[in-house]
C-alpha cells in the first residue's frame, strides 16, 4: 500500500463510539451536543457561509448537531466533526449526506471549515477520506457535491477530490453545480 493511499485509510467504530475515521492529519468523529460553540464558529461566519442559502443564528448550531445525530441513526452517516489529530478542537465538519436531487437519491460529500483553517488542505483531505468511506464502507456507486457556481474554493476541493461537473441544477431555490465521481473513477485515481 503506497503512502498516498495509507493517508486515506479509515477505521469505523461501532455505533457506541463516536470515532469515524482518521487521515494523516485529521480525525473525524460524530458530533456531540457539546460542540455547539465550535459549530457556530463555522456556520455563524457570514464569509465562510456566504454561498449557503441562509444566515445562521446561534440556535441553528444546536439544530445542525441534532440533524446530524438523526442522520447517524437513520442513514448511518452524516456530517462529522473534524479535529486535528491529537487535538479535540473542532475545526470543521465533513461527511456524507443523503440528498434527493431531481427525484433521485444521491449521497453528497459536504464540508465546512473555520476560515482560520482555510488554505491547509484540510477540506480536500477530509473530503477524500469521506468519499473513500462512501465507496468502501457504504458501497455507494457514485458520490456528488452540490456547489454554488461562484464558490470557487469549494469547487477546487471537489476537483482535487477527482470530481467533475455533471450539470447545473436548482437546489434550495439556488443554482448549484453537481460535481460527481463514481467508485471506479475514484479507484483509478487512487
Protein backbone atom coordinates (compact mmCIF):
# COMPACT_ATOMS: atom_id res chain seq x y z
CA UNK A 1 0.00 0.00 0.00
CA UNK A 2 1.52 3.35 -1.01
CA UNK A 3 1.98 6.20 1.43
CA UNK A 4 -0.57 8.23 -0.53
CA UNK A 5 -3.19 5.52 -0.11
CA UNK A 6 -2.28 4.97 3.53
CA UNK A 7 -3.22 8.60 4.27
CA UNK A 8 -6.81 7.83 3.26
CA UNK A 9 -7.26 4.61 5.22
CA UNK A 10 -10.24 4.83 7.52
CA UNK A 11 -11.44 2.97 10.53
CA UNK A 12 -15.01 2.78 11.71
CA UNK A 13 -16.22 2.12 15.20
CA UNK A 14 -19.40 0.56 16.42
CA UNK A 15 -22.44 2.74 16.97
CA UNK A 16 -21.43 3.05 20.63
CA UNK A 17 -18.27 5.00 19.73
CA UNK A 18 -18.08 8.37 18.06
CA UNK A 19 -14.76 7.92 16.19
CA UNK A 20 -15.38 7.54 12.45
CA UNK A 21 -12.10 7.84 10.59
CA UNK A 22 -8.58 9.18 10.67
CA UNK A 23 -6.34 10.59 7.95
CA UNK A 24 -2.71 11.64 8.02
CA UNK A 25 -3.60 14.89 9.83
CA UNK A 26 -7.26 14.71 10.81
CA UNK A 27 -9.74 12.78 12.95
CA UNK A 28 -13.42 12.71 12.11
CA UNK A 29 -15.92 11.82 14.81
CA UNK A 30 -19.63 12.04 15.33
CA UNK A 31 -20.90 15.34 16.62
CA UNK A 32 -21.61 15.73 20.31
CA UNK A 33 -24.17 18.09 21.77
CA UNK A 34 -21.30 19.96 23.47
CA UNK A 35 -19.94 21.01 20.05
CA UNK A 36 -22.43 23.87 19.71
CA UNK A 37 -19.91 26.71 20.14
CA UNK A 38 -17.50 25.10 17.69
CA UNK A 39 -20.25 24.56 15.11
CA UNK A 40 -21.41 28.16 15.44
CA UNK A 41 -17.83 29.37 14.89
CA UNK A 42 -18.15 27.78 11.45
CA UNK A 43 -21.76 28.27 10.38
CA UNK A 44 -22.12 31.65 12.09
CA UNK A 45 -19.31 33.13 9.98
CA UNK A 46 -21.05 35.01 7.19
CA UNK A 47 -17.94 34.97 5.00
CA UNK A 48 -17.39 31.22 5.37
CA UNK A 49 -21.07 30.51 4.69
CA UNK A 50 -21.80 33.23 2.11
CA UNK A 51 -22.85 30.69 -0.53
CA UNK A 52 -25.20 28.86 1.79
CA UNK A 53 -28.90 29.63 1.22
CA UNK A 54 -29.43 31.16 4.70
CA UNK A 55 -27.70 33.02 7.51
CA UNK A 56 -27.33 31.12 10.75
CA UNK A 57 -28.05 32.19 14.31
CA UNK A 58 -26.54 30.60 17.41
CA UNK A 59 -29.64 28.45 17.97
CA UNK A 60 -29.10 26.95 14.49
CA UNK A 61 -25.83 25.36 15.65
CA UNK A 62 -27.71 23.11 18.09
CA UNK A 63 -30.15 22.12 15.34
CA UNK A 64 -27.19 21.44 13.00
CA UNK A 65 -25.87 18.93 15.53
CA UNK A 66 -29.29 17.38 16.22
CA UNK A 67 -29.93 16.97 12.48
CA UNK A 68 -26.65 15.07 12.14
CA UNK A 69 -27.38 12.92 15.19
CA UNK A 70 -30.65 11.94 13.45
CA UNK A 71 -28.76 11.24 10.21
CA UNK A 72 -26.41 8.86 12.04
CA UNK A 73 -29.42 6.93 13.33
CA UNK A 74 -31.42 6.98 10.09
CA UNK A 75 -28.71 6.68 7.43
CA UNK A 76 -25.60 5.53 9.28
CA UNK A 77 -23.76 8.70 8.29
CA UNK A 78 -23.96 12.49 8.24
CA UNK A 79 -21.59 15.38 8.72
CA UNK A 80 -18.82 14.63 11.22
CA UNK A 81 -16.81 16.94 13.46
CA UNK A 82 -13.26 17.37 12.13
CA UNK A 83 -10.34 17.84 14.54
CA UNK A 84 -6.61 17.82 14.05
CA UNK A 85 -5.04 14.54 15.19
CA UNK A 86 -4.06 14.79 18.83
CA UNK A 87 -6.41 17.71 19.47
CA UNK A 88 -10.08 17.89 20.46
CA UNK A 89 -10.79 21.34 18.99
CA UNK A 90 -13.36 21.13 16.19
CA UNK A 91 -12.06 22.99 13.12
CA UNK A 92 -14.74 21.97 10.64
CA UNK A 93 -17.12 19.31 9.50
CA UNK A 94 -17.18 16.88 6.64
CA UNK A 95 -19.27 13.86 5.87
CA UNK A 96 -21.90 12.10 3.82
CA UNK A 97 -25.42 13.43 3.46
CA UNK A 98 -28.38 11.69 1.86
CA UNK A 99 -29.89 14.02 -0.75
CA UNK A 100 -32.73 13.74 -3.22
CA UNK A 101 -31.79 15.53 -6.41
CA UNK A 102 -34.37 15.82 -9.18
CA UNK A 103 -36.25 12.90 -7.60
CA UNK A 104 -33.17 10.64 -7.46
CA UNK A 105 -31.48 9.62 -4.17
CA UNK A 106 -27.84 10.71 -4.01
CA UNK A 107 -25.03 10.71 -1.45
CA UNK A 108 -23.28 14.05 -1.10
CA UNK A 109 -19.89 14.69 0.44
CA UNK A 110 -20.16 18.04 2.18
CA UNK A 111 -17.61 20.12 4.09
CA UNK A 112 -17.43 23.36 6.06
CA UNK A 113 -14.33 24.68 7.81
CA UNK A 114 -13.49 27.59 10.05
CA UNK A 115 -11.97 30.38 7.99
CA UNK A 116 -8.75 30.39 10.02
CA UNK A 117 -8.20 26.79 8.81
CA UNK A 118 -8.58 27.54 5.10
CA UNK A 119 -5.60 27.01 2.84
CA UNK A 120 -4.20 23.99 4.71
CA UNK A 121 -5.77 21.32 2.51
CA UNK A 122 -7.95 20.01 5.34
CA UNK A 123 -11.19 20.15 3.33
CA UNK A 124 -9.64 18.14 0.49
CA UNK A 125 -8.12 15.60 2.90
CA UNK A 126 -11.40 15.13 4.76
CA UNK A 127 -13.49 15.02 1.56
CA UNK A 128 -11.25 12.34 0.02
CA UNK A 129 -11.49 10.25 3.18
CA UNK A 130 -15.29 10.60 3.29
CA UNK A 131 -15.55 9.72 -0.40
CA UNK A 132 -13.49 6.59 0.31
CA UNK A 133 -15.82 5.84 3.23
CA UNK A 134 -18.86 6.12 0.93
CA UNK A 135 -17.40 3.71 -1.61
CA UNK A 136 -15.70 1.21 0.67
CA UNK A 137 -17.93 1.10 3.75
CA UNK A 138 -21.36 2.09 2.40
CA UNK A 139 -20.82 0.58 -1.10
CA UNK A 140 -22.12 3.64 -2.93
CA UNK A 141 -21.65 3.66 -6.70
CA UNK A 142 -21.42 7.45 -7.01
CA UNK A 143 -20.83 10.44 -4.73
CA UNK A 144 -21.76 14.04 -5.51
CA UNK A 145 -21.08 17.51 -4.16
CA UNK A 146 -23.59 20.32 -4.66
CA UNK A 147 -21.72 23.61 -5.05
CA UNK A 148 -22.83 27.10 -5.99
CA UNK A 149 -21.08 28.12 -9.25
CA UNK A 150 -19.45 31.18 -7.65
CA UNK A 151 -17.98 29.16 -4.76
CA UNK A 152 -14.56 28.70 -6.33
CA UNK A 153 -12.87 27.38 -3.15
CA UNK A 154 -15.36 24.52 -2.74
CA UNK A 155 -15.22 23.76 -6.45
CA UNK A 156 -11.43 23.35 -6.18
CA UNK A 157 -11.87 20.92 -3.27
CA UNK A 158 -14.28 18.83 -5.37
CA UNK A 159 -11.87 18.89 -8.32
CA UNK A 160 -8.92 17.85 -6.13
CA UNK A 161 -11.19 15.02 -4.93
CA UNK A 162 -11.39 13.82 -8.56
CA UNK A 163 -14.95 15.06 -9.11
CA UNK A 164 -16.14 16.56 -12.37
CA UNK A 165 -19.11 18.81 -13.12
CA UNK A 166 -22.10 16.81 -14.34
CA UNK A 167 -24.70 19.53 -14.70
CA UNK A 168 -26.29 22.66 -13.27
CA UNK A 169 -29.44 22.19 -11.14
CA UNK A 170 -31.70 24.24 -8.92
CA UNK A 171 -31.29 23.17 -5.30
CA UNK A 172 -32.76 25.07 -2.32
CA UNK A 173 -34.05 27.56 -4.92
CA UNK A 174 -30.48 28.42 -5.99
CA UNK A 175 -28.34 27.24 -8.92
CA UNK A 176 -25.83 24.56 -7.93
CA UNK A 177 -23.25 22.64 -9.91
CA UNK A 178 -23.43 18.89 -9.41
CA UNK A 179 -19.92 17.52 -9.09
CA UNK A 180 -19.69 13.73 -9.18
CA UNK A 181 -17.30 10.80 -9.05
CA UNK A 182 -18.02 7.10 -9.46
CA UNK A 183 -16.50 4.29 -7.43
CA UNK A 184 -14.47 3.20 -10.48
CA UNK A 185 -13.15 6.72 -11.15
CA UNK A 186 -12.15 7.08 -7.50
CA UNK A 187 -10.37 3.69 -7.51
CA UNK A 188 -8.49 4.54 -10.70
CA UNK A 189 -7.35 7.90 -9.28
CA UNK A 190 -6.01 6.39 -6.03
